[in-house]
């Protein structure tokens, strides 16, 4: 499969994120996940596909966090950390900060719902 398709969908997802079309960005990222899933396992370990997958996970957690889908966002952060997909320390540190911010937003949303239920 032509690797340019993966980059094209990743770039298009980035464009959708920039214009605020998060649903379409998620669709494009899911296409990337589907395309990579069709590649034989041994080929998926190639650094090109690992980088694309890492970027797709990062975009997916960002989109889901923006949409308020905090648990989903955190699950994609976990996928990045579980796989240690070609990450440098600076990127890992940034993602860890994002994780803390998302957890805080999630916890605040839960508190708000609980307060509204008591009213």
Protein backbone atom coordinates (compact mmCIF):
# COMPACT_ATOMS: atom_id res chain seq x y z
CA UNK A 1 0.00 0.00 0.00
CA UNK A 2 1.28 3.45 -0.89
CA UNK A 3 2.56 5.12 2.26
CA UNK A 4 1.56 8.51 0.90
CA UNK A 5 -2.08 7.68 1.71
CA UNK A 6 -1.19 7.55 5.40
CA UNK A 7 0.53 10.92 5.30
CA UNK A 8 -2.30 12.43 3.26
CA UNK A 9 -4.95 11.37 5.77
CA UNK A 10 -2.77 12.57 8.65
CA UNK A 11 -2.30 15.95 6.97
CA UNK A 12 -5.98 16.21 6.18
CA UNK A 13 -6.84 15.39 9.80
CA UNK A 14 -4.51 18.20 10.87
CA UNK A 15 -6.32 20.61 8.55
CA UNK A 16 -9.69 19.56 9.97
CA UNK A 17 -8.41 20.10 13.51
CA UNK A 18 -7.19 23.59 12.60
CA UNK A 19 -10.60 24.59 11.24
CA UNK A 20 -12.46 23.00 14.14
CA UNK A 21 -14.00 20.10 12.22
CA UNK A 22 -13.17 17.53 14.89
CA UNK A 23 -15.60 14.86 13.72
CA UNK A 24 -14.01 14.75 10.28
CA UNK A 25 -10.54 14.76 11.85
CA UNK A 26 -11.53 11.67 13.86
CA UNK A 27 -12.81 9.98 10.70
CA UNK A 28 -9.52 10.61 8.91
CA UNK A 29 -7.52 9.31 11.85
CA UNK A 30 -9.69 6.20 11.98
CA UNK A 31 -8.92 5.64 8.31
CA UNK A 32 -5.22 5.71 9.20
CA UNK A 33 -5.80 3.14 11.94
CA UNK A 34 -7.69 0.93 9.46
CA UNK A 35 -5.02 1.27 6.77
CA UNK A 36 -2.24 0.37 9.19
CA UNK A 37 -4.23 -2.56 10.58
CA UNK A 38 -4.29 -4.06 7.07
CA UNK A 39 -0.50 -4.07 6.85
CA UNK A 40 1.23 -7.32 7.86
CA UNK A 41 2.39 -7.19 11.48
CA UNK A 42 6.07 -7.44 10.59
CA UNK A 43 5.80 -4.48 8.22
CA UNK A 44 3.93 -2.42 10.84
CA UNK A 45 7.07 -2.41 12.95
CA UNK A 46 8.82 -0.28 10.34
CA UNK A 47 9.76 3.13 11.77
CA UNK A 48 7.64 4.91 9.13
CA UNK A 49 4.43 3.23 10.28
CA UNK A 50 5.33 3.60 13.95
CA UNK A 51 5.81 7.34 13.45
CA UNK A 52 2.51 7.67 11.58
CA UNK A 53 0.75 5.69 14.30
CA UNK A 54 2.29 7.84 17.04
CA UNK A 55 1.17 11.03 15.30
CA UNK A 56 -2.30 9.59 14.73
CA UNK A 57 -2.61 8.64 18.42
CA UNK A 58 -1.49 12.14 19.41
CA UNK A 59 -4.00 13.83 17.14
CA UNK A 60 -6.74 11.47 18.26
CA UNK A 61 -6.21 12.18 21.95
CA UNK A 62 -6.16 15.91 21.24
CA UNK A 63 -9.43 15.78 19.31
CA UNK A 64 -11.20 13.62 21.87
CA UNK A 65 -10.02 15.88 24.71
CA UNK A 66 -11.31 18.96 22.89
CA UNK A 67 -14.66 17.22 22.43
CA UNK A 68 -14.81 16.43 26.16
CA UNK A 69 -14.28 12.69 25.66
CA UNK A 70 -11.67 12.61 28.40
CA UNK A 71 -11.49 8.86 29.06
CA UNK A 72 -11.07 8.21 25.34
CA UNK A 73 -8.31 10.83 25.17
CA UNK A 74 -6.51 9.25 28.11
CA UNK A 75 -6.75 5.81 26.53
CA UNK A 76 -4.90 7.09 23.45
CA UNK A 77 -2.26 8.72 25.60
CA UNK A 78 -1.84 5.32 27.26
CA UNK A 79 -1.38 3.72 23.83
CA UNK A 80 1.47 6.10 23.12
CA UNK A 81 3.16 5.35 26.44
CA UNK A 82 2.47 1.61 26.26
CA UNK A 83 4.15 1.32 22.91
CA UNK A 84 6.93 3.86 23.43
CA UNK A 85 6.62 4.60 19.75
CA UNK A 86 9.82 6.39 18.79
CA UNK A 87 9.35 9.21 21.25
CA UNK A 88 11.91 11.64 22.49
CA UNK A 89 11.93 12.83 26.10
CA UNK A 90 10.58 16.29 25.24
CA UNK A 91 7.56 14.81 23.46
CA UNK A 92 6.95 12.39 26.34
CA UNK A 93 7.10 15.26 28.83
CA UNK A 94 4.61 17.26 26.79
CA UNK A 95 2.23 14.33 26.60
CA UNK A 96 2.53 13.78 30.35
CA UNK A 97 1.54 17.42 30.94
CA UNK A 98 -1.41 16.95 28.56
CA UNK A 99 -2.42 13.83 30.50
CA UNK A 100 -2.50 15.80 33.75
CA UNK A 101 -4.54 18.60 32.19
CA UNK A 102 -7.04 16.14 30.67
CA UNK A 103 -7.39 14.29 33.97
CA UNK A 104 -8.05 17.61 35.72
CA UNK A 105 -10.67 18.60 33.12
CA UNK A 106 -12.32 15.18 33.45
CA UNK A 107 -12.38 15.41 37.24
CA UNK A 108 -13.83 18.92 37.10
CA UNK A 109 -16.54 17.78 34.68
CA UNK A 110 -17.45 14.90 37.00
CA UNK A 111 -17.65 17.27 39.99
CA UNK A 112 -19.88 19.62 38.01
CA UNK A 113 -22.25 16.80 37.09
CA UNK A 114 -22.40 15.62 40.71
CA UNK A 115 -23.16 19.15 41.90
CA UNK A 116 -25.95 19.47 39.32
CA UNK A 117 -27.43 16.13 40.41
CA UNK A 118 -27.63 17.37 44.00
CA UNK A 119 -29.67 20.43 43.00
